């Protein structure tokens, strides 16, 4: 079989999540993270930043009382929201802290800086910013050398007010 590689500009277009409670989900994605509603339908809401048709779709199409996936089972581990720069990531971190929203972790991966949390339905969410590609850590052979180190939160938060 001939090797196939996806075009380098291919990206993930959006995520669509089934939620148990639309108002709780909207308080998280709209009110806390700042995504704007683009369209509301019966049992579905589509949100984005900057007027895109939708980055996040939320729905309550499951039967009433549908169970959340249990931790440790197969399914979505997390999805990631890429911020355009470090200042914007700092602003959302500051907001999370001001609202005392639980944060599961923060990491410096060399290629990126990340904040990890869960939405009201327990879906893993990563908020992150990429470093410039020429600053990504490489080993002696030139291969990518990602890592997980402590994120300098104080340095990041200074960006929010800069």
N, C-alpha and C. Protein backbone atom coordinates (compact mmCIF):
# COMPACT_ATOMS: atom_id res chain seq x y z
N UNK A 1 0.85 -1.18 0.00
CA UNK A 1 0.00 0.00 0.00
C UNK A 1 0.89 1.24 0.00
N UNK A 2 0.55 2.19 -0.84
CA UNK A 2 1.31 3.43 -0.94
C UNK A 2 1.12 4.28 0.32
N UNK A 3 2.22 4.84 0.83
CA UNK A 3 2.15 5.68 2.01
C UNK A 3 1.37 6.95 1.68
N UNK A 4 0.51 7.33 2.59
CA UNK A 4 -0.28 8.54 2.44
C UNK A 4 -0.01 9.44 3.64
N UNK A 5 0.19 10.71 3.41
CA UNK A 5 0.35 11.69 4.48
C UNK A 5 -0.69 12.78 4.29
N UNK A 6 -1.34 13.16 5.39
CA UNK A 6 -2.31 14.24 5.33
C UNK A 6 -1.59 15.54 4.97
N UNK A 7 -2.27 16.42 4.30
CA UNK A 7 -1.72 17.72 3.94
C UNK A 7 -1.30 18.44 5.21
N UNK A 8 -0.17 19.14 5.23
CA UNK A 8 0.32 19.79 6.45
C UNK A 8 -0.58 20.89 7.00
N UNK A 9 -1.51 21.38 6.23
CA UNK A 9 -2.42 22.43 6.72
C UNK A 9 -3.75 21.86 7.23
N UNK A 10 -3.90 20.53 7.23
CA UNK A 10 -5.12 19.93 7.76
C UNK A 10 -5.15 20.15 9.27
N UNK A 11 -6.30 20.55 9.80
CA UNK A 11 -6.46 20.75 11.24
C UNK A 11 -7.75 20.08 11.70
N UNK A 12 -7.91 19.96 13.00
CA UNK A 12 -9.18 19.51 13.57
C UNK A 12 -10.12 20.70 13.50
N UNK A 13 -11.27 20.55 12.91
CA UNK A 13 -12.18 21.66 12.70
C UNK A 13 -13.01 22.04 13.90
N UNK A 14 -13.59 21.07 14.59
CA UNK A 14 -14.41 21.37 15.75
C UNK A 14 -14.62 20.11 16.57
N UNK A 15 -15.14 20.30 17.75
CA UNK A 15 -15.50 19.18 18.61
C UNK A 15 -16.97 19.32 18.94
N UNK A 16 -17.64 18.20 19.01
CA UNK A 16 -19.06 18.19 19.33
C UNK A 16 -19.26 17.29 20.54
N UNK A 17 -19.78 17.85 21.62
CA UNK A 17 -19.90 17.14 22.89
C UNK A 17 -21.35 16.96 23.29
N UNK A 18 -21.68 15.77 23.74
CA UNK A 18 -22.97 15.54 24.38
C UNK A 18 -22.82 15.94 25.84
N UNK A 19 -23.71 16.78 26.33
CA UNK A 19 -23.65 17.27 27.70
C UNK A 19 -24.91 16.87 28.45
N UNK A 20 -24.80 16.83 29.78
CA UNK A 20 -25.96 16.45 30.58
C UNK A 20 -26.86 17.65 30.88
N UNK A 21 -26.27 18.85 30.91
CA UNK A 21 -27.03 20.03 31.27
C UNK A 21 -26.51 21.21 30.46
N UNK A 22 -27.32 21.73 29.57
CA UNK A 22 -26.89 22.78 28.66
C UNK A 22 -26.49 24.05 29.41
N UNK A 23 -27.24 24.43 30.42
CA UNK A 23 -26.91 25.67 31.14
C UNK A 23 -25.56 25.56 31.84
N UNK A 24 -25.28 24.43 32.46
CA UNK A 24 -23.97 24.24 33.10
C UNK A 24 -22.86 24.29 32.05
N UNK A 25 -23.09 23.64 30.92
CA UNK A 25 -22.09 23.63 29.84
C UNK A 25 -21.86 25.04 29.31
N UNK A 26 -22.94 25.82 29.16
CA UNK A 26 -22.80 27.19 28.67
C UNK A 26 -22.10 28.09 29.68
N UNK A 27 -22.34 27.86 30.96
CA UNK A 27 -21.63 28.64 31.97
C UNK A 27 -20.12 28.41 31.87
N UNK A 28 -19.73 27.19 31.51
CA UNK A 28 -18.31 26.88 31.36
C UNK A 28 -17.76 27.42 30.05
N UNK A 29 -18.31 27.00 28.91
CA UNK A 29 -17.75 27.35 27.60
C UNK A 29 -18.00 28.80 27.19
N UNK A 30 -19.18 29.33 27.49
CA UNK A 30 -19.51 30.71 27.13
C UNK A 30 -19.06 31.70 28.21
N UNK A 31 -19.55 31.49 29.43
CA UNK A 31 -19.33 32.48 30.47
C UNK A 31 -17.91 32.46 31.05
N UNK A 32 -17.31 31.29 31.20
CA UNK A 32 -15.98 31.21 31.80
C UNK A 32 -14.88 31.31 30.75
N UNK A 33 -14.96 30.48 29.69
CA UNK A 33 -13.91 30.48 28.67
C UNK A 33 -14.12 31.54 27.59
N UNK A 34 -15.33 32.11 27.49
CA UNK A 34 -15.55 33.25 26.61
C UNK A 34 -15.93 32.94 25.17
N UNK A 35 -16.30 31.69 24.86
CA UNK A 35 -16.75 31.39 23.50
C UNK A 35 -18.13 32.00 23.27
N UNK A 36 -18.38 32.44 22.04
CA UNK A 36 -19.63 33.12 21.71
C UNK A 36 -20.59 32.17 21.00
N UNK A 37 -21.87 32.29 21.34
CA UNK A 37 -22.89 31.47 20.69
C UNK A 37 -23.05 31.95 19.25
N UNK A 38 -22.96 31.03 18.31
CA UNK A 38 -23.17 31.34 16.90
C UNK A 38 -24.56 30.91 16.45
N UNK A 39 -25.05 29.81 17.03
CA UNK A 39 -26.37 29.32 16.66
C UNK A 39 -26.93 28.48 17.79
N UNK A 40 -28.22 28.64 18.05
CA UNK A 40 -28.92 27.82 19.02
C UNK A 40 -30.01 27.06 18.29
N UNK A 41 -30.12 25.78 18.59
CA UNK A 41 -31.15 24.92 18.02
C UNK A 41 -31.83 24.19 19.18
N UNK A 42 -32.86 23.46 18.89
CA UNK A 42 -33.47 22.63 19.93
C UNK A 42 -32.42 21.64 20.39
N UNK A 43 -32.05 21.71 21.66
CA UNK A 43 -31.11 20.78 22.28
C UNK A 43 -29.69 20.84 21.74
N UNK A 44 -29.31 21.91 21.07
CA UNK A 44 -27.93 22.05 20.59
C UNK A 44 -27.55 23.53 20.53
N UNK A 45 -26.28 23.81 20.84
CA UNK A 45 -25.74 25.16 20.76
C UNK A 45 -24.37 25.07 20.13
N UNK A 46 -24.07 26.00 19.21
CA UNK A 46 -22.77 26.02 18.53
C UNK A 46 -22.06 27.31 18.91
N UNK A 47 -20.80 27.17 19.38
CA UNK A 47 -20.02 28.29 19.88
C UNK A 47 -18.69 28.39 19.16
N UNK A 48 -18.13 29.61 19.16
CA UNK A 48 -16.80 29.79 18.58
C UNK A 48 -16.20 31.08 19.11
N UNK A 49 -14.98 31.33 18.70
CA UNK A 49 -14.31 32.60 18.95
C UNK A 49 -14.11 33.27 17.60
N UNK A 50 -14.38 34.55 17.52
CA UNK A 50 -14.12 35.29 16.29
C UNK A 50 -15.11 35.08 15.16
N UNK A 51 -16.28 34.53 15.46
CA UNK A 51 -17.31 34.42 14.44
C UNK A 51 -17.25 33.20 13.53
N UNK A 52 -16.32 32.28 13.76
CA UNK A 52 -16.27 31.04 12.98
C UNK A 52 -17.59 30.30 13.21
N UNK A 53 -18.04 29.47 12.25
CA UNK A 53 -19.36 28.85 12.39
C UNK A 53 -19.50 28.03 13.66
N UNK A 54 -18.51 27.24 14.01
CA UNK A 54 -18.46 26.65 15.35
C UNK A 54 -17.16 25.90 15.57
N UNK A 55 -16.65 26.11 16.76
CA UNK A 55 -15.48 25.39 17.23
C UNK A 55 -15.93 24.30 18.19
N UNK A 56 -16.97 24.62 18.96
CA UNK A 56 -17.52 23.69 19.94
C UNK A 56 -19.02 23.56 19.70
N UNK A 57 -19.46 22.33 19.53
CA UNK A 57 -20.89 22.04 19.47
C UNK A 57 -21.28 21.33 20.75
N UNK A 58 -22.38 21.76 21.35
CA UNK A 58 -22.89 21.12 22.56
C UNK A 58 -24.29 20.60 22.26
N UNK A 59 -24.60 19.40 22.74
CA UNK A 59 -25.96 18.90 22.54
C UNK A 59 -26.43 18.11 23.74
N UNK A 60 -27.74 18.03 23.88
CA UNK A 60 -28.38 17.21 24.90
C UNK A 60 -29.28 16.18 24.22
N UNK A 61 -28.78 15.59 23.14
CA UNK A 61 -29.58 14.65 22.36
C UNK A 61 -29.70 13.27 23.01
N UNK A 62 -28.88 12.97 23.99
CA UNK A 62 -28.97 11.68 24.67
C UNK A 62 -30.26 11.60 25.46
N UNK A 63 -30.61 10.39 25.84
CA UNK A 63 -31.80 10.22 26.65
C UNK A 63 -31.60 10.91 28.00
N UNK A 64 -32.68 11.43 28.58
CA UNK A 64 -32.55 12.05 29.90
C UNK A 64 -31.92 11.07 30.89
N UNK A 65 -31.01 11.59 31.71
CA UNK A 65 -30.37 10.72 32.71
C UNK A 65 -29.21 9.91 32.16
N UNK A 66 -28.75 10.22 30.93
CA UNK A 66 -27.61 9.48 30.37
C UNK A 66 -26.42 9.60 31.31
N UNK A 67 -25.69 8.49 31.47
CA UNK A 67 -24.55 8.46 32.39
C UNK A 67 -23.31 9.06 31.76
N UNK A 68 -22.51 9.72 32.60
CA UNK A 68 -21.20 10.20 32.17
C UNK A 68 -20.28 8.99 32.03
N UNK A 69 -19.30 9.04 31.10
CA UNK A 69 -18.32 7.96 31.04
C UNK A 69 -17.54 7.91 32.35
N UNK A 70 -17.24 6.71 32.80
CA UNK A 70 -16.47 6.56 34.04
C UNK A 70 -14.99 6.81 33.76
N UNK A 71 -14.31 7.40 34.74
CA UNK A 71 -12.88 7.66 34.62
C UNK A 71 -12.12 6.36 34.37
N UNK A 72 -11.18 6.39 33.45
CA UNK A 72 -10.36 5.22 33.18
C UNK A 72 -10.90 4.31 32.10
N UNK A 73 -12.01 4.68 31.47
CA UNK A 73 -12.58 3.88 30.39
C UNK A 73 -12.22 4.49 29.04
N UNK A 74 -12.38 3.72 28.02
CA UNK A 74 -12.08 4.17 26.66
C UNK A 74 -13.00 5.32 26.29
N UNK A 75 -12.47 6.27 25.56
CA UNK A 75 -13.24 7.42 25.12
C UNK A 75 -12.34 8.63 25.05
N UNK A 76 -12.94 9.78 25.01
CA UNK A 76 -12.20 11.04 24.92
C UNK A 76 -11.32 11.21 26.16
N UNK A 77 -10.03 11.39 25.96
CA UNK A 77 -9.13 11.68 27.08
C UNK A 77 -9.20 13.18 27.36
N UNK A 78 -8.92 13.98 26.35
CA UNK A 78 -9.14 15.42 26.42
C UNK A 78 -9.11 15.99 25.02
N UNK A 79 -9.61 17.18 24.89
CA UNK A 79 -9.42 17.92 23.65
C UNK A 79 -8.71 19.20 24.03
N UNK A 80 -8.09 19.84 23.05
CA UNK A 80 -7.25 21.00 23.34
C UNK A 80 -7.74 22.23 22.60
N UNK A 81 -7.66 23.35 23.29
CA UNK A 81 -8.01 24.65 22.71
C UNK A 81 -6.71 25.44 22.61
N UNK A 82 -6.32 25.77 21.38
CA UNK A 82 -5.08 26.48 21.11
C UNK A 82 -5.31 27.98 21.16
N UNK A 83 -4.59 28.67 22.02
CA UNK A 83 -4.67 30.12 22.12
C UNK A 83 -3.62 30.73 21.19
N UNK A 84 -3.87 31.95 20.67
CA UNK A 84 -2.97 32.53 19.67
C UNK A 84 -1.64 33.00 20.23
N UNK A 85 -1.60 33.27 21.54
CA UNK A 85 -0.35 33.74 22.14
C UNK A 85 -0.40 33.52 23.65
N UNK A 86 0.75 33.72 24.25
CA UNK A 86 0.90 33.48 25.70
C UNK A 86 0.03 34.43 26.53
N UNK A 87 -0.14 35.66 26.09
CA UNK A 87 -0.96 36.62 26.82
C UNK A 87 -2.41 36.14 26.92
N UNK A 88 -2.95 35.62 25.84
CA UNK A 88 -4.34 35.14 25.86
C UNK A 88 -4.49 33.92 26.76
N UNK A 89 -3.49 33.04 26.78
CA UNK A 89 -3.53 31.90 27.70
C UNK A 89 -3.46 32.41 29.14
N UNK A 90 -2.63 33.40 29.40
CA UNK A 90 -2.52 33.98 30.74
C UNK A 90 -3.85 34.59 31.18
N UNK A 91 -4.54 35.26 30.27
CA UNK A 91 -5.82 35.89 30.61
C UNK A 91 -6.86 34.85 31.01
N UNK A 92 -6.90 33.73 30.31
CA UNK A 92 -7.88 32.70 30.67
C UNK A 92 -7.48 32.02 31.97
N UNK A 93 -6.19 31.83 32.22
CA UNK A 93 -5.74 31.26 33.49
C UNK A 93 -6.14 32.19 34.64
N UNK A 94 -5.91 33.47 34.48
CA UNK A 94 -6.29 34.44 35.51
C UNK A 94 -7.79 34.36 35.80
N UNK A 95 -8.58 34.23 34.74
CA UNK A 95 -10.04 34.13 34.89
C UNK A 95 -10.43 32.86 35.65
N UNK A 96 -9.81 31.75 35.31
CA UNK A 96 -10.09 30.49 36.01
C UNK A 96 -9.78 30.62 37.50
N UNK A 97 -8.66 31.25 37.81
CA UNK A 97 -8.27 31.43 39.20
C UNK A 97 -9.23 32.37 39.93
N UNK A 98 -9.63 33.45 39.26
CA UNK A 98 -10.58 34.39 39.87
C UNK A 98 -11.90 33.72 40.20
N UNK A 99 -12.34 32.80 39.35
CA UNK A 99 -13.61 32.10 39.57
C UNK A 99 -13.42 30.82 40.37
N UNK A 100 -12.18 30.58 40.83
CA UNK A 100 -11.85 29.40 41.64
C UNK A 100 -12.27 28.10 40.94
N UNK A 101 -12.12 28.09 39.62
CA UNK A 101 -12.46 26.89 38.86
C UNK A 101 -11.35 25.86 39.07
N UNK A 102 -11.69 24.61 39.36
CA UNK A 102 -10.65 23.61 39.63
C UNK A 102 -9.77 23.31 38.42
N UNK A 103 -8.47 23.39 38.64
CA UNK A 103 -7.48 23.09 37.61
C UNK A 103 -6.79 21.79 37.99
N UNK A 104 -6.73 20.84 37.06
CA UNK A 104 -6.12 19.54 37.35
C UNK A 104 -4.60 19.58 37.24
N UNK A 105 -4.07 20.45 36.39
CA UNK A 105 -2.63 20.50 36.24
C UNK A 105 -2.20 21.58 35.27
N UNK A 106 -0.92 21.89 35.33
CA UNK A 106 -0.29 22.84 34.41
C UNK A 106 1.06 22.25 34.02
N UNK A 107 1.41 22.34 32.75
CA UNK A 107 2.66 21.73 32.29
C UNK A 107 3.34 22.55 31.22
N UNK A 108 4.66 22.44 31.21
CA UNK A 108 5.49 22.96 30.14
C UNK A 108 5.97 21.74 29.37
N UNK A 109 5.56 21.63 28.11
CA UNK A 109 5.92 20.47 27.29
C UNK A 109 7.07 20.76 26.33
N UNK A 110 7.70 21.90 26.50
CA UNK A 110 8.79 22.26 25.60
C UNK A 110 8.27 22.91 24.33
N UNK A 111 7.33 22.25 23.67
CA UNK A 111 6.72 22.78 22.45
C UNK A 111 5.54 23.70 22.78
N UNK A 112 5.02 23.55 24.00
CA UNK A 112 3.82 24.28 24.38
C UNK A 112 3.74 24.42 25.89
N UNK A 113 2.84 25.31 26.33
CA UNK A 113 2.52 25.48 27.74
C UNK A 113 1.03 25.18 27.87
N UNK A 114 0.66 24.38 28.88
CA UNK A 114 -0.70 23.86 28.96
C UNK A 114 -1.31 23.97 30.35
N UNK A 115 -2.63 24.16 30.35
CA UNK A 115 -3.45 24.15 31.55
C UNK A 115 -4.49 23.05 31.34
N UNK A 116 -4.66 22.19 32.32
CA UNK A 116 -5.59 21.06 32.21
C UNK A 116 -6.73 21.20 33.22
N UNK A 117 -7.95 20.97 32.76
CA UNK A 117 -9.12 21.02 33.61
C UNK A 117 -10.20 20.12 33.03
N UNK A 118 -11.32 20.00 33.72
CA UNK A 118 -12.47 19.25 33.22
C UNK A 118 -13.66 20.18 33.10
N UNK A 119 -14.48 19.94 32.07
CA UNK A 119 -15.71 20.70 31.94
C UNK A 119 -16.74 20.12 32.93
N UNK A 120 -17.94 20.70 33.03
CA UNK A 120 -18.93 20.21 33.99
C UNK A 120 -19.34 18.76 33.80
N UNK A 121 -19.13 18.20 32.60
CA UNK A 121 -19.47 16.80 32.36
C UNK A 121 -18.27 15.87 32.51
N UNK A 122 -17.15 16.40 32.94
CA UNK A 122 -15.97 15.56 33.17
C UNK A 122 -15.09 15.37 31.95
N UNK A 123 -15.39 16.05 30.85
CA UNK A 123 -14.53 15.96 29.67
C UNK A 123 -13.22 16.70 29.95
N UNK A 124 -12.11 16.08 29.59
CA UNK A 124 -10.82 16.72 29.77
C UNK A 124 -10.63 17.83 28.75
N UNK A 125 -10.17 18.98 29.23
CA UNK A 125 -9.93 20.14 28.38
C UNK A 125 -8.51 20.63 28.64
N UNK A 126 -7.76 20.82 27.56
CA UNK A 126 -6.43 21.40 27.64
C UNK A 126 -6.48 22.78 27.00
N UNK A 127 -6.04 23.78 27.71
CA UNK A 127 -5.91 25.13 27.17
C UNK A 127 -4.42 25.34 26.99
N UNK A 128 -3.98 25.70 25.77
CA UNK A 128 -2.54 25.76 25.55
C UNK A 128 -2.14 26.79 24.53
N UNK A 129 -0.85 27.09 24.54
CA UNK A 129 -0.23 27.95 23.55
C UNK A 129 1.03 27.24 23.06
N UNK A 130 1.26 27.27 21.77
CA UNK A 130 2.49 26.70 21.20
C UNK A 130 3.61 27.71 21.30
N UNK A 131 4.81 27.21 21.48
CA UNK A 131 6.00 28.04 21.33
C UNK A 131 6.30 28.16 19.84
N UNK A 132 7.12 29.12 19.49
CA UNK A 132 7.57 29.23 18.11
C UNK A 132 8.27 27.93 17.73
N UNK A 133 8.01 27.45 16.54
CA UNK A 133 8.53 26.16 16.10
C UNK A 133 10.06 26.07 16.20
N UNK A 134 10.75 27.17 15.95
CA UNK A 134 12.21 27.14 16.02
C UNK A 134 12.74 27.04 17.45
N UNK A 135 11.86 27.16 18.44
CA UNK A 135 12.26 27.03 19.85
C UNK A 135 11.89 25.66 20.43
N UNK A 136 11.29 24.78 19.62
CA UNK A 136 10.92 23.46 20.11
C UNK A 136 12.17 22.65 20.44
N UNK A 137 12.18 21.94 21.56
CA UNK A 137 13.37 21.17 21.95
C UNK A 137 13.61 19.99 21.01
N UNK A 138 14.86 19.83 20.65
CA UNK A 138 15.25 18.72 19.75
C UNK A 138 16.41 17.97 20.39
N UNK A 139 16.51 16.69 20.07
CA UNK A 139 17.66 15.92 20.55
C UNK A 139 18.83 16.12 19.58
N UNK A 140 19.93 15.43 19.82
CA UNK A 140 21.14 15.61 19.02
C UNK A 140 20.93 15.22 17.56
N UNK A 141 19.95 14.33 17.30
CA UNK A 141 19.67 13.89 15.93
C UNK A 141 18.67 14.81 15.23
N UNK A 142 18.14 15.80 15.96
CA UNK A 142 17.19 16.72 15.37
C UNK A 142 15.74 16.30 15.52
N UNK A 143 15.49 15.19 16.25
CA UNK A 143 14.11 14.75 16.48
C UNK A 143 13.49 15.54 17.61
N UNK A 144 12.19 15.72 17.55
CA UNK A 144 11.46 16.43 18.58
C UNK A 144 11.68 15.76 19.92
N UNK A 145 11.85 16.55 20.96
CA UNK A 145 12.15 16.04 22.30
C UNK A 145 11.20 16.70 23.31
N UNK A 146 9.90 16.39 23.18
CA UNK A 146 8.90 16.95 24.10
C UNK A 146 9.13 16.40 25.50
N UNK A 147 8.65 17.14 26.50
CA UNK A 147 8.78 16.70 27.87
C UNK A 147 7.60 17.25 28.67
N UNK A 148 7.52 16.86 29.91
CA UNK A 148 6.52 17.41 30.82
C UNK A 148 7.26 17.92 32.04
N UNK A 149 7.30 19.24 32.16
CA UNK A 149 7.95 19.89 33.29
C UNK A 149 6.95 20.84 33.93
N UNK A 150 7.32 21.36 35.09
CA UNK A 150 6.45 22.31 35.77
C UNK A 150 6.33 23.60 34.95
N UNK A 151 5.13 24.09 34.84
CA UNK A 151 4.88 25.36 34.16
C UNK A 151 5.15 26.50 35.14
N UNK A 152 5.85 27.51 34.69
CA UNK A 152 6.10 28.69 35.50
C UNK A 152 4.84 29.56 35.48
N UNK A 153 3.93 29.27 36.40
CA UNK A 153 2.63 29.94 36.44
C UNK A 153 2.78 31.43 36.72
N UNK A 154 3.69 31.80 37.61
CA UNK A 154 3.88 33.22 37.92
C UNK A 154 4.32 34.00 36.69
N UNK A 155 5.23 33.42 35.93
CA UNK A 155 5.69 34.08 34.70
C UNK A 155 4.52 34.22 33.72
N UNK A 156 3.72 33.17 33.61
CA UNK A 156 2.57 33.21 32.72
C UNK A 156 1.58 34.28 33.16
N UNK A 157 1.27 34.34 34.43
CA UNK A 157 0.29 35.31 34.92
C UNK A 157 0.75 36.75 34.73
N UNK A 158 2.05 37.00 34.73
CA UNK A 158 2.57 38.34 34.47
C UNK A 158 2.17 38.82 33.07
N UNK A 159 2.02 37.86 32.15
CA UNK A 159 1.62 38.18 30.78
C UNK A 159 0.19 38.76 30.73
N UNK A 160 -0.66 38.32 31.65
CA UNK A 160 -2.06 38.76 31.64
C UNK A 160 -2.19 40.26 31.81
N UNK A 161 -1.27 40.84 32.56
CA UNK A 161 -1.33 42.28 32.84
C UNK A 161 -0.39 43.10 31.99
N UNK A 162 0.42 42.42 31.18
CA UNK A 162 1.42 43.13 30.37
C UNK A 162 0.77 43.94 29.26
